[in-house]
C-alpha cells in the first residue's frame, strides 16, 4: 500500500519543482490501518514520512455480552415475579452486610480505577498534543521554505527588470532575438538550484515580441497572460508617452474579449483594471490556474532611456 501511495503521490523534486511549489507536500491521508503525513525539509534530499497507527474500535468481549445478558434476564424475571405474584426480591441481613462490606471495599478500588483512567487519558492527550506540535512545526518550516523559494523568484525577476545588459541586447538584436530569450532563461536555470518557470512574455509597445513556455505549459501560460496582456501594453504605452510625448506610437488593437473584460471589471469594481494592475506592478501576484496556483510578476524594461518593453514572468 505504501508503494502504491508513493507512486501515485510523489513526483521527483528536481524535475517537477513547479508542482511542489503549487501543491506542496502530499496531504495527510489514510493508508490501511495507518495515517500518513509527509514533510519536505529545507535542503533535504528525501521526503520525510510519518506513519501513525489509527486506533481500532474493538468489539465487546463475549463474556461481557453474556454477563450483561444474564444480569438483564435475572432482573427482568425478578421484576415480572413481583408484578405478577407480588413477591418482590428481599435480601437477608447477612446478604445486606456483605453488600455493604463490598461497597465499602469497592469505593477505594473505584477511586483508583478512575485515577488510572484519568492518568491514561491525560498521557494520551499529551502525546497527541506533542505530535500535533511537531507536525505544526514541520508545516511552518515548509511554509518558510516556500516563502524563501518565492523570494528567490521575486529577486531574480526584479534583477531582470533592471538588467542593463538585457536592455542593451534588446536594443542591439531586437526584442525577439534568441540571445534575449536565453538571457532571461539562464537567469532562472543557471543557479545552484534551478528555478523552473511556466514561461514569460517579452513584448514591445505594439504587443509584439518574444514568448516562451515550458513543455506542456503553453496553454496554461496563455490563459494566464490573456487576462493581463491588454492592460500591461496600454500602461506601457502611457509610460512611454510620459518620457517621450512627441513620439508616434505603433498601432495596438484590443480584441473584443479584452474590451469586454475591462468594461466588466470597471462596472463591478468601479475602478479601471488599468489602474489596479499598475498598482501591483513589480509585485508577485497569485492566480488559480490549471488546478493549482500560479505566481506571476511583471514590469517594464528601459531601452534607450525609455520604457519600451514589458516582461511578464509566471511560475
Protein backbone atom coordinates (compact mmCIF):
# COMPACT_ATOMS: atom_id res chain seq x y z
CA UNK A 1 0.00 0.00 0.00
CA UNK A 2 2.84 2.37 0.80
CA UNK A 3 4.48 1.73 -2.57
CA UNK A 4 1.19 2.46 -4.32
CA UNK A 5 0.85 5.71 -2.36
CA UNK A 6 4.43 6.70 -3.21
CA UNK A 7 3.96 6.08 -6.93
CA UNK A 8 0.68 7.99 -7.09
CA UNK A 9 1.58 10.94 -4.84
CA UNK A 10 5.32 11.59 -5.05
CA UNK A 11 6.90 13.36 -8.00
CA UNK A 12 10.66 13.92 -8.44
CA UNK A 13 11.60 17.25 -6.88
CA UNK A 14 14.42 18.08 -9.28
CA UNK A 15 12.34 17.60 -12.41
CA UNK A 16 8.98 18.84 -11.15
CA UNK A 17 9.68 21.68 -8.71
CA UNK A 18 6.77 23.68 -10.10
CA UNK A 19 4.34 21.01 -8.91
CA UNK A 20 5.82 21.07 -5.39
CA UNK A 21 5.60 24.86 -5.27
CA UNK A 22 1.98 24.81 -6.38
CA UNK A 23 0.69 21.93 -4.25
CA UNK A 24 3.32 21.36 -1.56
CA UNK A 25 3.87 18.02 0.11
CA UNK A 26 1.11 15.39 -0.21
CA UNK A 27 -1.72 15.99 2.26
CA UNK A 28 -2.33 13.58 5.16
CA UNK A 29 -4.39 10.56 4.22
CA UNK A 30 -5.24 7.11 5.49
CA UNK A 31 -3.48 4.00 4.21
CA UNK A 32 -4.99 0.84 5.58
CA UNK A 33 -4.74 0.95 9.37
CA UNK A 34 -2.31 3.89 9.32
CA UNK A 35 -2.45 7.62 8.67
CA UNK A 36 0.46 9.04 6.71
CA UNK A 37 1.94 12.54 6.98
CA UNK A 38 4.72 13.96 4.79
CA UNK A 39 7.15 16.87 5.07
CA UNK A 40 9.90 18.24 2.84
CA UNK A 41 12.63 19.97 4.84
CA UNK A 42 14.84 22.77 3.59
CA UNK A 43 17.81 21.41 1.68
CA UNK A 44 16.60 17.84 2.19
CA UNK A 45 17.18 15.21 -0.48
CA UNK A 46 14.37 12.98 0.74
CA UNK A 47 10.75 13.41 1.71
CA UNK A 48 10.11 12.78 5.41
CA UNK A 49 7.15 10.47 6.01
CA UNK A 50 5.45 9.84 9.34
CA UNK A 51 3.08 6.91 9.86
CA UNK A 52 0.67 6.89 12.76
CA UNK A 53 -1.48 3.89 13.63
CA UNK A 54 -5.20 4.59 13.58
CA UNK A 55 -6.81 3.45 16.86
CA UNK A 56 -9.04 0.46 16.36
CA UNK A 57 -12.50 0.25 17.86
CA UNK A 58 -12.75 -3.23 19.33
CA UNK A 59 -15.97 -5.12 19.82
CA UNK A 60 -17.03 -6.06 23.33
CA UNK A 61 -15.75 -9.39 24.60
CA UNK A 62 -18.06 -12.39 24.51
CA UNK A 63 -18.01 -12.87 28.29
CA UNK A 64 -19.08 -9.26 28.84
CA UNK A 65 -22.01 -9.66 26.49
CA UNK A 66 -23.02 -12.93 28.19
CA UNK A 67 -22.76 -11.32 31.64
CA UNK A 68 -24.94 -8.42 30.54
CA UNK A 69 -27.48 -10.87 29.12
CA UNK A 70 -27.60 -12.92 32.35
CA UNK A 71 -27.96 -9.86 34.59
CA UNK A 72 -30.66 -8.39 32.36
CA UNK A 73 -32.54 -11.70 32.35
CA UNK A 74 -32.41 -12.07 36.15
CA UNK A 75 -33.59 -8.50 36.72
CA UNK A 76 -36.41 -8.98 34.24
CA UNK A 77 -37.56 -12.27 35.83
CA UNK A 78 -37.49 -10.81 39.34
CA UNK A 79 -39.45 -7.80 38.17
CA UNK A 80 -42.06 -10.00 36.47
CA UNK A 81 -42.37 -12.15 39.59
CA UNK A 82 -43.00 -9.08 41.69
CA UNK A 83 -45.58 -7.71 39.28
CA UNK A 84 -47.43 -10.98 38.72
CA UNK A 85 -47.14 -12.73 42.11
CA UNK A 86 -46.47 -9.72 44.32
CA UNK A 87 -43.32 -11.45 45.59
CA UNK A 88 -40.50 -8.96 45.40
CA UNK A 89 -36.88 -9.75 45.89
CA UNK A 90 -35.84 -9.45 49.55
CA UNK A 91 -32.37 -9.76 50.99
CA UNK A 92 -31.46 -11.21 54.34
CA UNK A 93 -29.46 -9.45 57.00
CA UNK A 94 -26.29 -11.40 56.18
CA UNK A 95 -26.52 -10.51 52.49
CA UNK A 96 -27.10 -6.88 53.33
CA UNK A 97 -23.97 -6.75 55.49
CA UNK A 98 -21.98 -8.47 52.76
CA UNK A 99 -23.21 -5.96 50.18
CA UNK A 100 -22.33 -3.03 52.44
CA UNK A 101 -18.90 -4.53 53.03
CA UNK A 102 -18.24 -4.96 49.32
CA UNK A 103 -19.48 -1.45 48.61
CA UNK A 104 -17.14 -0.06 51.25
CA UNK A 105 -14.24 -2.04 49.78
CA UNK A 106 -15.17 -1.09 46.23
CA UNK A 107 -15.01 2.67 46.83
CA UNK A 108 -11.19 2.96 47.08
CA UNK A 109 -10.81 0.48 44.23
CA UNK A 110 -13.20 2.53 42.13
CA UNK A 111 -11.32 5.70 43.01
CA UNK A 112 -8.08 4.02 41.99
CA UNK A 113 -9.64 2.92 38.71
CA UNK A 114 -10.92 6.42 37.95
CA UNK A 115 -7.50 7.87 38.74
CA UNK A 116 -5.79 5.35 36.45
CA UNK A 117 -8.21 6.11 33.62
CA UNK A 118 -7.69 9.86 34.06
CA UNK A 119 -3.92 9.40 34.07
CA UNK A 120 -4.07 7.29 30.91
CA UNK A 121 -6.31 9.85 29.21
CA UNK A 122 -4.02 12.72 30.17
CA UNK A 123 -0.94 10.84 28.96
CA UNK A 124 -2.59 10.02 25.65
CA UNK A 125 -3.77 13.61 25.21
CA UNK A 126 -0.28 14.91 25.97
CA UNK A 127 1.24 12.56 23.39
CA UNK A 128 -1.30 13.65 20.78
CA UNK A 129 -0.59 17.31 21.53
CA UNK A 130 3.13 16.66 21.15
CA UNK A 131 2.57 15.01 17.77
CA UNK A 132 0.36 17.91 16.70
CA UNK A 133 3.02 20.43 17.75
CA UNK A 134 5.71 18.53 15.85
CA UNK A 135 3.56 18.40 12.73
CA UNK A 136 2.72 22.08 13.07
CA UNK A 137 6.43 22.85 13.34
CA UNK A 138 7.08 20.83 10.19
CA UNK A 139 4.36 22.73 8.35
CA UNK A 140 5.81 26.05 9.50
CA UNK A 141 9.22 25.01 8.22
CA UNK A 142 7.70 24.01 4.90
CA UNK A 143 5.89 27.35 4.66
CA UNK A 144 9.13 29.14 5.45
CA UNK A 145 10.92 27.16 2.75
CA UNK A 146 8.18 28.02 0.28
CA UNK A 147 8.49 31.71 1.12
CA UNK A 148 12.25 31.52 0.62
CA UNK A 149 11.78 29.99 -2.83
CA UNK A 150 9.23 32.65 -3.70
CA UNK A 151 11.74 35.28 -2.58
CA UNK A 152 14.34 33.80 -4.96
CA UNK A 153 11.87 34.00 -7.84
CA UNK A 154 10.99 37.59 -6.95
CA UNK A 155 14.60 38.72 -6.63
CA UNK A 156 15.62 37.04 -9.89
CA UNK A 157 12.71 38.66 -11.72
CA UNK A 158 13.49 42.10 -10.33
CA UNK A 159 17.12 41.73 -11.36
CA UNK A 160 15.94 41.11 -14.92
CA UNK A 161 13.71 44.19 -14.83
CA UNK A 162 16.78 46.35 -14.13
CA UNK A 163 19.30 44.30 -16.13
CA UNK A 164 21.22 46.81 -18.25
CA UNK A 165 22.80 44.04 -20.33
CA UNK A 166 19.36 42.68 -21.22
CA UNK A 167 18.29 46.18 -22.27
CA UNK A 168 21.38 46.55 -24.46
CA UNK A 169 20.72 43.17 -26.07
CA UNK A 170 17.15 44.22 -26.89
CA UNK A 171 18.46 47.46 -28.37
CA UNK A 172 21.16 45.70 -30.39
CA UNK A 173 19.49 42.46 -31.52
CA UNK A 174 15.77 43.18 -31.24
CA UNK A 175 13.14 42.11 -28.77
CA UNK A 176 12.50 38.70 -30.35
CA UNK A 177 16.14 37.61 -30.64
CA UNK A 178 17.15 34.18 -29.28
CA UNK A 179 20.00 35.69 -27.28
CA UNK A 180 17.48 37.80 -25.41
CA UNK A 181 15.42 34.68 -24.74
CA UNK A 182 18.46 32.77 -23.48
CA UNK A 183 19.46 35.67 -21.25
CA UNK A 184 16.11 35.52 -19.46
CA UNK A 185 16.01 31.72 -19.27
CA UNK A 186 19.57 31.42 -17.99
CA UNK A 187 18.80 33.80 -15.13
CA UNK A 188 16.49 31.12 -13.73
CA UNK A 189 18.29 27.99 -14.90
CA UNK A 190 21.98 28.71 -14.25
CA UNK A 191 21.76 28.58 -10.47
CA UNK A 192 22.81 26.17 -7.75
CA UNK A 193 19.14 25.19 -7.50
CA UNK A 194 17.40 25.90 -10.84
CA UNK A 195 14.10 27.77 -10.67
CA UNK A 196 11.67 26.30 -13.22
CA UNK A 197 9.13 28.71 -14.66
CA UNK A 198 5.93 28.27 -16.63
CA UNK A 199 7.20 30.81 -19.13
CA UNK A 200 7.41 34.50 -19.93
CA UNK A 201 6.33 37.16 -22.40
CA UNK A 202 8.60 40.00 -23.55
CA UNK A 203 6.52 42.45 -25.59
CA UNK A 204 7.04 45.87 -27.16
CA UNK A 205 4.74 48.88 -27.49
CA UNK A 206 2.71 47.16 -30.22
CA UNK A 207 2.20 43.97 -28.23
CA UNK A 208 4.69 42.01 -30.34
CA UNK A 209 7.77 40.23 -29.14
CA UNK A 210 9.00 37.07 -27.53
CA UNK A 211 7.04 34.23 -25.97
CA UNK A 212 8.48 31.25 -24.11
CA UNK A 213 6.65 28.43 -22.34
CA UNK A 214 7.91 25.23 -20.78
CA UNK A 215 6.79 21.97 -22.33
CA UNK A 216 3.14 21.34 -21.59
CA UNK A 217 2.57 24.79 -20.07
CA UNK A 218 1.84 26.79 -23.22
CA UNK A 219 -1.96 26.75 -22.94
CA UNK A 220 -1.86 27.45 -19.22
CA UNK A 221 0.50 30.40 -19.73
CA UNK A 222 -1.69 31.84 -22.49
CA UNK A 223 -4.77 31.62 -20.28
CA UNK A 224 -2.96 33.48 -17.50
CA UNK A 225 -1.42 36.17 -19.70
CA UNK A 226 -4.63 36.78 -21.68
CA UNK A 227 -6.12 38.43 -18.58
CA UNK A 228 -3.31 40.97 -18.25
CA UNK A 229 -1.98 41.42 -21.80
CA UNK A 230 -4.01 44.42 -22.95
CA UNK A 231 -3.71 46.36 -19.68
CA UNK A 232 0.05 45.79 -19.46
CA UNK A 233 0.65 47.04 -23.02
CA UNK A 234 -1.65 50.05 -22.57
CA UNK A 235 0.09 51.02 -19.33
CA UNK A 236 3.47 50.58 -21.05
CA UNK A 237 2.38 52.94 -23.82
CA UNK A 238 1.28 55.50 -21.22
CA UNK A 239 4.67 55.28 -19.52
CA UNK A 240 6.41 55.76 -22.86
CA UNK A 241 4.32 58.87 -23.63
CA UNK A 242 5.40 60.43 -20.33
CA UNK A 243 9.10 60.28 -21.23
CA UNK A 244 8.64 60.85 -24.97
CA UNK A 245 5.40 62.75 -25.65
CA UNK A 246 6.34 63.73 -29.21
CA UNK A 247 6.90 60.16 -30.41
CA UNK A 248 4.40 58.33 -32.59
CA UNK A 249 3.31 55.04 -31.09
CA UNK A 250 2.73 51.94 -33.21
CA UNK A 251 -0.81 50.69 -33.59
CA UNK A 252 -2.12 48.37 -30.90
CA UNK A 253 -5.53 46.77 -31.22
CA UNK A 254 -7.60 45.31 -28.42
CA UNK A 255 -9.59 42.17 -29.02
CA UNK A 256 -13.31 42.14 -28.34
CA UNK A 257 -12.80 39.87 -25.32
CA UNK A 258 -10.24 42.25 -23.82
CA UNK A 259 -12.53 45.24 -24.22
CA UNK A 260 -15.50 43.42 -22.68
CA UNK A 261 -13.35 42.13 -19.82
CA UNK A 262 -12.05 45.61 -18.98
CA UNK A 263 -15.56 47.09 -19.08
CA UNK A 264 -16.97 44.30 -16.92
CA UNK A 265 -14.23 44.75 -14.31
CA UNK A 266 -14.80 48.50 -14.23
CA UNK A 267 -18.56 48.05 -13.89
CA UNK A 268 -18.21 45.62 -10.98
CA UNK A 269 -15.42 47.35 -9.03
CA UNK A 270 -15.88 50.97 -10.17
CA UNK A 271 -12.10 51.04 -10.78
CA UNK A 272 -10.37 50.71 -14.16
CA UNK A 273 -8.40 47.49 -14.49
CA UNK A 274 -5.50 49.51 -15.93
CA UNK A 275 -5.13 51.45 -12.70
CA UNK A 276 -5.48 48.43 -10.43
CA UNK A 277 -2.91 46.45 -12.39
CA UNK A 278 -0.44 49.33 -12.44
CA UNK A 279 -0.60 49.49 -8.63
CA UNK A 280 0.59 45.88 -8.49
CA UNK A 281 3.45 46.24 -10.95
CA UNK A 282 6.69 44.64 -9.72
CA UNK A 283 4.77 42.73 -7.05
CA UNK A 284 4.15 38.98 -7.06
CA UNK A 285 0.54 38.09 -7.84
CA UNK A 286 -1.14 34.72 -7.37
CA UNK A 287 -3.74 33.23 -9.64
CA UNK A 288 -5.55 29.90 -9.60
CA UNK A 289 -4.78 28.12 -12.85
CA UNK A 290 -4.86 24.54 -14.07
CA UNK A 291 -5.87 23.01 -10.76
CA UNK A 292 -3.09 24.84 -8.91
CA UNK A 293 -1.85 28.31 -8.06
CA UNK A 294 0.49 30.18 -10.38
CA UNK A 295 2.65 33.12 -9.29
CA UNK A 296 3.38 35.96 -11.69
CA UNK A 297 5.16 39.29 -11.82
CA UNK A 298 5.70 41.92 -14.49
CA UNK A 299 7.45 45.23 -15.03
CA UNK A 300 8.80 47.46 -17.78
CA UNK A 301 12.29 47.44 -19.27
CA UNK A 302 14.09 50.68 -20.06
CA UNK A 303 15.61 50.64 -23.55
CA UNK A 304 17.43 53.71 -24.91
CA UNK A 305 16.26 55.72 -21.92
CA UNK A 306 12.56 54.96 -22.40
CA UNK A 307 10.24 52.23 -21.18
CA UNK A 308 9.80 50.31 -24.42
CA UNK A 309 9.22 46.71 -23.35
CA UNK A 310 7.32 44.77 -20.72
CA UNK A 311 8.47 41.48 -19.21
CA UNK A 312 5.82 39.15 -17.78
CA UNK A 313 7.05 36.06 -15.88
CA UNK A 314 4.97 33.20 -14.46
CA UNK A 315 5.97 30.18 -12.38
